[in-house]
């Protein structure tokens, strides 16, 4: 046991020595960088008329600039817009466009929750709100955002049935926008809008849905016609119950006169009393 304790103490001492050496080396690098910066600034001041054009950069209103000096980000927020002064042999400049960018998500084959294959594409609008995160946290922000939009589209639509996709189209786009924002904000990006452009169903499924819709419309039309017949019969019954026998005969004669006469239709009017005689004889 004493041997193990001595080994642990030695390891701890070595680790402390390495950490102290790392801190001393980083401190020396910072001092060396500060010296180079001062010497460069002095050189620029001494040769200012000649080096002014090399040390100046104009940043547009829609841009922001992240400056790396000797491999480290210059402290403070991103620079710009306007006139920017830098040390060309010590600084590396990364321009970041702050305008809204849009891209099309290529058609994705998605399998819905009820097993229906779909082809869906979308369009995404985003813009950079934190240039430092955009440069430091992701290597290729545009490509990463495109890949994230593709996977999010498949995951969001795959969690819904076909009927939900067809009826809750705006809600699905909103949920996709929220998921993209939660992930991409770590890169300094704000997803402003997501729109689903097109949804393509298999041909056989389109035919089945068309037949189902036609059958539903036919059934609805028949129900409407039947309801109209019922209402008409009730109205006729109420009208007939309020008519006297003379008024009923007059209405009967008026209805007979409205029947078109021709070679195929022959209308004969007989007195009701005559019909009553025939009916009484049959009884």
Protein backbone atom coordinates (compact mmCIF):
# COMPACT_ATOMS: atom_id res chain seq x y z
CA UNK A 1 0.00 0.00 0.00
CA UNK A 2 2.79 2.54 0.67
CA UNK A 3 4.11 1.79 -2.81
CA UNK A 4 0.76 2.65 -4.40
CA UNK A 5 0.59 5.90 -2.44
CA UNK A 6 4.04 6.92 -3.58
CA UNK A 7 3.14 6.19 -7.22
CA UNK A 8 0.00 8.32 -6.90
CA UNK A 9 1.95 11.17 -5.39
CA UNK A 10 4.48 11.00 -8.23
CA UNK A 11 1.73 11.04 -10.88
CA UNK A 12 0.05 14.03 -9.23
CA UNK A 13 3.35 15.88 -9.09
CA UNK A 14 4.01 15.15 -12.76
CA UNK A 15 0.51 16.38 -13.70
CA UNK A 16 0.97 19.58 -11.70
CA UNK A 17 4.34 20.11 -13.32
CA UNK A 18 2.84 19.64 -16.81
CA UNK A 19 -0.03 22.05 -16.07
CA UNK A 20 2.42 24.62 -14.69
CA UNK A 21 4.58 24.22 -17.79
CA UNK A 22 1.53 24.67 -20.03
CA UNK A 23 0.52 27.83 -18.20
CA UNK A 24 4.06 29.20 -18.44
CA UNK A 25 4.24 28.41 -22.17
CA UNK A 26 0.85 30.03 -22.86
CA UNK A 27 1.92 33.07 -20.87
CA UNK A 28 5.11 33.31 -22.89
CA UNK A 29 3.12 33.08 -26.13
CA UNK A 30 0.83 35.88 -24.98
CA UNK A 31 3.79 38.07 -24.10
CA UNK A 32 5.42 37.33 -27.45
CA UNK A 33 2.17 38.18 -29.25
CA UNK A 34 1.84 41.45 -27.36
CA UNK A 35 5.41 42.37 -28.29
CA UNK A 36 4.77 41.59 -31.97
CA UNK A 37 1.59 43.66 -31.88
CA UNK A 38 3.40 46.67 -30.39
CA UNK A 39 6.25 46.41 -32.87
CA UNK A 40 3.78 46.13 -35.75
CA UNK A 41 1.81 49.14 -34.52
CA UNK A 42 5.02 51.15 -34.25
CA UNK A 43 6.05 50.13 -37.76
CA UNK A 44 2.64 51.15 -39.13
CA UNK A 45 2.84 54.53 -37.42
CA UNK A 46 6.33 55.16 -38.78
CA UNK A 47 5.33 54.22 -42.34
CA UNK A 48 1.73 55.39 -42.10
CA UNK A 49 1.36 57.13 -45.45
CA UNK A 50 2.65 54.04 -47.25
CA UNK A 51 0.95 51.31 -45.21
CA UNK A 52 -2.43 52.97 -44.75
CA UNK A 53 -3.93 51.25 -47.78
CA UNK A 54 -2.74 47.86 -46.50
CA UNK A 55 -4.19 48.24 -43.00
CA UNK A 56 -7.63 49.58 -43.87
CA UNK A 57 -10.72 47.59 -44.83
CA UNK A 58 -14.26 48.75 -45.55
CA UNK A 59 -16.98 46.55 -44.04
CA UNK A 60 -20.39 46.76 -45.68
CA UNK A 61 -23.56 47.56 -43.73
CA UNK A 62 -24.86 43.98 -44.12
CA UNK A 63 -21.55 42.38 -43.05
CA UNK A 64 -19.65 41.73 -39.87
CA UNK A 65 -15.98 40.80 -39.44
CA UNK A 66 -14.29 38.39 -37.04
CA UNK A 67 -10.54 39.03 -36.61
CA UNK A 68 -8.01 36.36 -35.63
CA UNK A 69 -4.68 37.73 -34.39
CA UNK A 70 -1.94 35.12 -34.13
CA UNK A 71 -4.63 32.43 -34.18
CA UNK A 72 -6.75 33.92 -31.42
CA UNK A 73 -9.99 35.86 -31.73
CA UNK A 74 -9.60 39.53 -30.96
CA UNK A 75 -11.54 40.25 -27.78
CA UNK A 76 -14.89 41.93 -28.07
CA UNK A 77 -17.78 41.47 -30.42
CA UNK A 78 -17.45 41.19 -34.18
CA UNK A 79 -16.35 44.36 -35.95
CA UNK A 80 -18.20 46.41 -38.52
CA UNK A 81 -19.76 47.98 -40.43
CA UNK A 82 -17.60 50.91 -41.53
CA UNK A 83 -13.85 51.46 -41.77
CA UNK A 84 -11.75 48.82 -40.04
CA UNK A 85 -8.04 48.97 -39.16
CA UNK A 86 -6.02 45.76 -38.83
CA UNK A 87 -2.47 44.41 -39.02
CA UNK A 88 -2.27 42.52 -42.30
CA UNK A 89 0.71 40.30 -41.40
CA UNK A 90 -0.73 39.29 -38.00
CA UNK A 91 -4.49 39.26 -38.56
CA UNK A 92 -6.77 36.90 -40.45
CA UNK A 93 -10.19 38.33 -41.30
CA UNK A 94 -13.38 36.30 -41.69
CA UNK A 95 -16.33 38.10 -43.27
CA UNK A 96 -19.84 37.05 -42.20
CA UNK A 97 -22.93 38.00 -44.19
CA UNK A 98 -25.81 39.05 -41.91
CA UNK A 99 -28.51 39.04 -44.57
CA UNK A 100 -31.29 36.45 -44.71
CA UNK A 101 -30.29 33.36 -46.67
CA UNK A 102 -32.70 30.86 -48.23
CA UNK A 103 -32.08 27.38 -49.56
CA UNK A 104 -34.19 24.57 -50.95
CA UNK A 105 -34.29 21.25 -49.16
CA UNK A 106 -34.08 18.70 -51.96
CA UNK A 107 -36.99 16.23 -52.18
CA UNK A 108 -36.85 13.75 -49.32
CA UNK A 109 -38.48 10.33 -49.33
CA UNK A 110 -40.38 10.13 -46.05
CA UNK A 111 -42.29 7.22 -44.53
CA UNK A 112 -45.22 8.46 -42.45
CA UNK A 113 -46.34 6.94 -39.17
CA UNK A 114 -49.00 4.86 -40.97
CA UNK A 115 -46.52 3.49 -43.53
CA UNK A 116 -47.25 5.75 -46.53
CA UNK A 117 -44.23 6.79 -48.64
CA UNK A 118 -44.09 10.50 -49.55
CA UNK A 119 -41.76 12.80 -51.47
CA UNK A 120 -41.54 16.18 -49.73
CA UNK A 121 -39.37 19.25 -50.29
CA UNK A 122 -39.17 22.51 -48.38
CA UNK A 123 -37.54 25.94 -48.30
CA UNK A 124 -35.75 27.38 -45.24
CA UNK A 125 -34.95 31.02 -44.44
CA UNK A 126 -32.28 31.84 -41.86
CA UNK A 127 -29.79 34.56 -40.94
CA UNK A 128 -26.68 34.85 -38.76
CA UNK A 129 -27.24 36.74 -35.49
CA UNK A 130 -23.92 35.95 -33.74
CA UNK A 131 -20.91 36.04 -36.10
CA UNK A 132 -18.51 34.76 -33.42
CA UNK A 133 -20.50 31.56 -32.88
CA UNK A 134 -21.00 31.18 -36.64
CA UNK A 135 -17.22 31.22 -37.18
CA UNK A 136 -16.09 29.38 -34.03
CA UNK A 137 -18.71 26.68 -33.45
CA UNK A 138 -19.28 25.23 -36.93
CA UNK A 139 -16.90 24.62 -39.81
CA UNK A 140 -19.33 25.10 -42.68
CA UNK A 141 -22.46 26.70 -41.31
CA UNK A 142 -24.43 26.70 -44.55
CA UNK A 143 -23.81 23.00 -45.22
CA UNK A 144 -24.56 22.10 -41.60
CA UNK A 145 -27.86 24.00 -41.71
CA UNK A 146 -28.86 22.26 -44.95
CA UNK A 147 -28.11 18.81 -43.51
CA UNK A 148 -29.97 19.66 -40.31
CA UNK A 149 -33.02 20.80 -42.31
CA UNK A 150 -33.06 17.54 -44.30
CA UNK A 151 -32.93 15.30 -41.23
CA UNK A 152 -35.46 17.45 -39.36
CA UNK A 153 -37.88 17.27 -42.29
CA UNK A 154 -37.74 13.47 -42.35
CA UNK A 155 -38.06 13.17 -38.57
CA UNK A 156 -40.96 15.63 -38.28
CA UNK A 157 -43.04 14.14 -41.09
CA UNK A 158 -42.22 10.57 -40.04
CA UNK A 159 -43.87 11.17 -36.68
CA UNK A 160 -47.25 12.04 -38.28
CA UNK A 161 -49.81 10.08 -40.25
CA UNK A 162 -50.75 10.90 -43.83
CA UNK A 163 -54.01 12.53 -42.76
CA UNK A 164 -52.17 14.72 -40.23
CA UNK A 165 -49.67 15.78 -42.90
CA UNK A 166 -52.45 16.73 -45.32
CA UNK A 167 -54.64 18.55 -42.79
CA UNK A 168 -52.04 20.13 -40.47
CA UNK A 169 -49.52 21.30 -43.05
CA UNK A 170 -48.80 24.74 -41.44
CA UNK A 171 -48.49 23.23 -37.96
CA UNK A 172 -45.89 20.72 -39.12
CA UNK A 173 -43.86 23.50 -40.76
CA UNK A 174 -44.03 25.48 -37.49
CA UNK A 175 -42.79 22.51 -35.43
CA UNK A 176 -39.95 22.00 -37.90
CA UNK A 177 -39.02 25.66 -37.55
CA UNK A 178 -38.91 25.36 -33.74
CA UNK A 179 -36.68 22.27 -33.87
CA UNK A 180 -34.27 23.94 -36.29
CA UNK A 181 -34.11 27.06 -34.11
CA UNK A 182 -33.31 25.11 -30.92
CA UNK A 183 -30.36 23.35 -32.56
CA UNK A 184 -28.99 26.06 -34.84
CA UNK A 185 -29.00 28.85 -32.25
CA UNK A 186 -25.86 27.22 -30.81
CA UNK A 187 -24.20 28.17 -34.11
CA UNK A 188 -25.37 31.80 -33.94
CA UNK A 189 -28.18 31.25 -36.45
CA UNK A 190 -31.86 32.22 -36.29
CA UNK A 191 -34.21 30.18 -38.47
CA UNK A 192 -36.85 32.71 -39.53
CA UNK A 193 -39.24 30.63 -41.60
CA UNK A 194 -39.80 27.11 -42.93
CA UNK A 195 -42.22 26.40 -45.77
CA UNK A 196 -43.17 22.99 -47.15
CA UNK A 197 -43.25 23.44 -50.92
CA UNK A 198 -44.57 20.23 -52.45
CA UNK A 199 -45.87 16.84 -51.39
CA UNK A 200 -45.97 13.98 -53.90
CA UNK A 201 -48.04 10.85 -53.28
CA UNK A 202 -47.69 7.52 -55.11
CA UNK A 203 -49.91 7.25 -58.21
CA UNK A 204 -51.91 4.30 -56.86
CA UNK A 205 -52.57 6.14 -53.61
CA UNK A 206 -53.70 9.22 -55.54
CA UNK A 207 -56.21 7.10 -57.48
CA UNK A 208 -57.53 5.49 -54.30
CA UNK A 209 -57.92 8.88 -52.61
CA UNK A 210 -59.69 10.29 -55.69
CA UNK A 211 -62.11 7.34 -55.75
CA UNK A 212 -62.74 7.72 -52.02
CA UNK A 213 -63.41 11.44 -52.38
CA UNK A 214 -65.77 10.85 -55.34
CA UNK A 215 -67.70 8.21 -53.40
CA UNK A 216 -67.99 10.55 -50.41
CA UNK A 217 -69.28 13.38 -52.63
CA UNK A 218 -71.82 11.06 -54.31
CA UNK A 219 -73.11 9.83 -50.94
CA UNK A 220 -73.36 13.40 -49.68
CA UNK A 221 -75.32 14.44 -52.80
CA UNK A 222 -77.77 11.57 -52.35
CA UNK A 223 -78.29 12.49 -48.72
CA UNK A 224 -78.98 16.11 -49.67
CA UNK A 225 -81.49 15.01 -52.32
CA UNK A 226 -83.23 12.68 -49.86
CA UNK A 227 -83.42 15.41 -47.24
CA UNK A 228 -84.95 17.74 -49.85
CA UNK A 229 -87.57 15.15 -50.80
CA UNK A 230 -88.51 14.68 -47.16
CA UNK A 231 -88.89 18.42 -46.61
CA UNK A 232 -90.92 18.78 -49.82
CA UNK A 233 -93.28 15.96 -48.86
CA UNK A 234 -93.81 17.46 -45.42
CA UNK A 235 -94.58 20.85 -46.95
CA UNK A 236 -97.06 19.29 -49.40
CA UNK A 237 -98.74 17.43 -46.57
CA UNK A 238 -99.12 20.60 -44.52
CA UNK A 239 -100.44 22.48 -47.56
CA UNK A 240 -102.94 19.74 -48.41
CA UNK A 241 -104.24 19.56 -44.87
CA UNK A 242 -105.20 23.24 -45.01
CA UNK A 243 -107.14 23.07 -48.30
CA UNK A 244 -110.90 22.48 -48.64
CA UNK A 245 -112.29 19.91 -51.08
CA UNK A 246 -113.12 22.57 -53.70
CA UNK A 247 -109.69 24.19 -53.40
CA UNK A 248 -108.09 20.74 -53.60
CA UNK A 249 -109.93 20.01 -56.88
CA UNK A 250 -108.90 23.38 -58.30
CA UNK A 251 -105.28 22.71 -57.37
CA UNK A 252 -105.52 19.26 -58.96
CA UNK A 253 -106.85 20.75 -62.19
CA UNK A 254 -104.11 23.39 -62.18
CA UNK A 255 -101.47 20.67 -61.73
CA UNK A 256 -102.95 18.69 -64.61
CA UNK A 257 -102.82 21.74 -66.86
CA UNK A 258 -99.10 22.08 -66.20
CA UNK A 259 -98.39 18.58 -67.55
CA UNK A 260 -96.97 18.92 -71.12
CA UNK A 261 -99.23 17.35 -73.74
CA UNK A 262 -97.92 15.72 -76.88
CA UNK A 263 -97.96 12.61 -78.98
CA UNK A 264 -96.47 10.51 -76.20
CA UNK A 265 -98.49 12.01 -73.34
CA UNK A 266 -102.30 11.98 -73.28
CA UNK A 267 -104.09 13.63 -70.37
CA UNK A 268 -107.72 12.75 -69.70
CA UNK A 269 -109.71 14.50 -66.97
CA UNK A 270 -112.45 12.51 -65.28
CA UNK A 271 -114.83 13.68 -62.57
CA UNK A 272 -114.00 12.52 -59.09
CA UNK A 273 -117.60 11.32 -58.61
CA UNK A 274 -117.21 8.89 -61.49
CA UNK A 275 -114.12 7.46 -59.90
CA UNK A 276 -115.97 7.14 -56.62
CA UNK A 277 -118.69 5.10 -58.38
CA UNK A 278 -116.11 2.67 -59.74
CA UNK A 279 -114.46 2.37 -56.35
CA UNK A 280 -117.81 1.70 -54.62
CA UNK A 281 -118.73 -0.98 -57.18
CA UNK A 282 -115.42 -2.77 -56.58
CA UNK A 283 -116.07 -2.76 -52.86
